[in-house]
Amino acid sequence: MKVKVLADGTKLTKEHWAAQHKWFDMIAHELNDAGLTLKPFMEQVDYKMDIPWTGTMIKQILYKPILETQTGKETTKEMTPFQAKNVNMALEWWLSTHTGVQVDFPSEESNG
């Protein structure tokens, strides 16, 4: 899967959307493999069940709050490629520093 980064102000391509959602799934897999469930996040709202991560949960619980903080946008459909890259970098940093999990964004090379 090859993802071309476009200038700010353009829409994300279909390929970029596919890569973005694949990345969410990859992050979920790595968090689950590291034994890091959703429980610590849910304990804040008094929900103590261990729940494995999914790509959708990564997007809703981790990615979108960063998007809104950095851009003021509430939906990924409104973001530009430049904004997507910045949000991705922020999420990568957070995951690495808070969980030790590091997942590179999918590229043509990572897909074999």
Protein backbone atom coordinates (compact mmCIF):
# COMPACT_ATOMS: atom_id res chain seq x y z
CA MET A 1 0.00 0.00 0.00
CA LYS A 2 1.61 3.26 -1.10
CA VAL A 3 0.48 6.48 0.53
CA LYS A 4 1.30 9.79 -1.10
CA VAL A 5 1.41 12.76 1.26
CA LEU A 6 -0.37 15.69 -0.34
CA ALA A 7 -0.13 19.38 0.36
CA ASP A 8 -2.11 20.84 3.22
CA GLY A 9 -5.64 21.80 2.21
CA THR A 10 -6.23 18.73 0.05
CA LYS A 11 -8.47 15.78 0.91
CA LEU A 12 -7.13 12.44 2.06
CA THR A 13 -7.04 9.80 -0.64
CA LYS A 14 -8.84 6.47 -0.49
CA GLU A 15 -5.45 4.79 -0.09
CA HIS A 16 -4.55 7.02 2.85
CA TRP A 17 -7.86 6.22 4.57
CA ALA A 18 -7.17 2.51 4.12
CA ALA A 19 -3.66 2.90 5.53
CA GLN A 20 -4.95 5.01 8.43
CA HIS A 21 -7.46 2.35 9.47
CA LYS A 22 -4.93 -0.44 8.99
CA TRP A 23 -2.61 1.47 11.32
CA PHE A 24 -5.36 1.69 13.97
CA ASP A 25 -5.77 -2.10 13.75
CA MET A 26 -1.99 -2.60 13.99
CA ILE A 27 -1.82 -0.42 17.12
CA ALA A 28 -4.69 -2.35 18.70
CA HIS A 29 -2.88 -5.63 17.99
CA GLU A 30 0.37 -4.39 19.55
CA LEU A 31 -1.37 -3.01 22.65
CA ASN A 32 -3.20 -6.30 23.11
CA ASP A 33 0.01 -8.31 22.62
CA ALA A 34 1.69 -6.13 25.26
CA GLY A 35 -1.13 -6.99 27.68
CA LEU A 36 -2.40 -3.40 27.70
CA THR A 37 -6.18 -3.56 27.71
CA LEU A 38 -8.74 -0.79 27.82
CA LYS A 39 -9.22 -1.26 31.57
CA PRO A 40 -6.94 1.64 32.71
CA PHE A 41 -8.87 4.03 30.50
CA MET A 42 -12.25 2.74 31.57
CA GLU A 43 -11.42 2.79 35.30
CA GLN A 44 -11.76 6.55 35.08
CA VAL A 45 -15.48 5.98 34.52
CA ASP A 46 -15.69 3.07 37.01
CA TYR A 47 -15.80 0.30 34.40
CA LYS A 48 -13.35 -2.37 35.47
CA MET A 49 -13.61 -5.07 32.76
CA ASP A 50 -10.52 -5.99 30.73
CA ILE A 51 -11.40 -5.22 27.14
CA PRO A 52 -9.00 -5.87 24.24
CA TRP A 53 -8.36 -2.98 21.87
CA THR A 54 -9.81 -2.72 18.36
CA GLY A 55 -8.91 -0.36 15.54
CA THR A 56 -12.19 1.50 16.08
CA MET A 57 -11.36 2.00 19.75
CA ILE A 58 -7.92 3.39 18.85
CA LYS A 59 -9.58 5.89 16.53
CA GLN A 60 -12.34 6.95 18.94
CA ILE A 61 -10.50 6.92 22.29
CA LEU A 62 -6.94 7.91 21.35
CA TYR A 63 -6.82 9.44 17.87
CA LYS A 64 -9.87 11.71 17.77
CA PRO A 65 -9.08 13.55 21.03
CA ILE A 66 -5.63 14.41 19.64
CA LEU A 67 -7.21 15.50 16.35
CA GLU A 68 -9.65 17.80 18.12
CA THR A 69 -6.97 19.27 20.39
CA GLN A 70 -4.53 19.93 17.55
CA THR A 71 -6.94 21.05 14.84
CA GLY A 72 -10.30 21.87 16.45
CA LYS A 73 -11.88 19.30 14.09
CA GLU A 74 -14.16 16.62 15.48
CA THR A 75 -14.04 14.19 12.58
CA THR A 76 -11.23 12.63 10.58
CA LYS A 77 -13.17 13.40 7.39
CA GLU A 78 -12.37 17.09 7.86
CA MET A 79 -8.60 16.72 8.29
CA THR A 80 -5.97 17.39 5.68
CA PRO A 81 -3.02 15.07 4.95
CA PHE A 82 -0.73 17.48 6.82
CA GLN A 83 -3.00 17.38 9.87
CA ALA A 84 -3.25 13.59 9.67
CA LYS A 85 0.54 13.33 9.70
CA ASN A 86 0.80 15.60 12.75
CA VAL A 87 -1.89 13.70 14.65
CA ASN A 88 -0.22 10.40 13.73
CA MET A 89 3.10 11.68 15.07
CA ALA A 90 1.46 12.79 18.32
CA LEU A 91 -0.21 9.39 18.78
CA GLU A 92 3.06 7.57 18.00
CA TRP A 93 4.86 9.68 20.62
CA TRP A 94 2.16 9.10 23.23
CA LEU A 95 2.06 5.34 22.64
CA SER A 96 5.84 5.08 22.79
CA THR A 97 6.27 7.13 25.96
CA HIS A 98 3.23 5.86 27.89
CA THR A 99 2.98 2.21 26.83
CA GLY A 100 6.31 1.34 25.21
CA VAL A 101 4.39 0.24 22.12
CA GLN A 102 5.70 1.53 18.80
CA VAL A 103 3.84 0.94 15.53
CA ASP A 104 5.05 2.48 12.30
CA PHE A 105 2.46 3.82 9.87
CA PRO A 106 1.83 1.24 7.10
CA SER A 107 3.82 1.67 3.94
CA GLU A 108 4.39 -0.25 0.73
CA GLU A 109 7.56 -1.71 2.28
CA SER A 110 5.77 -2.93 5.41
CA ASN A 111 3.20 -4.78 3.30
CA GLY A 112 5.80 -6.89 1.57
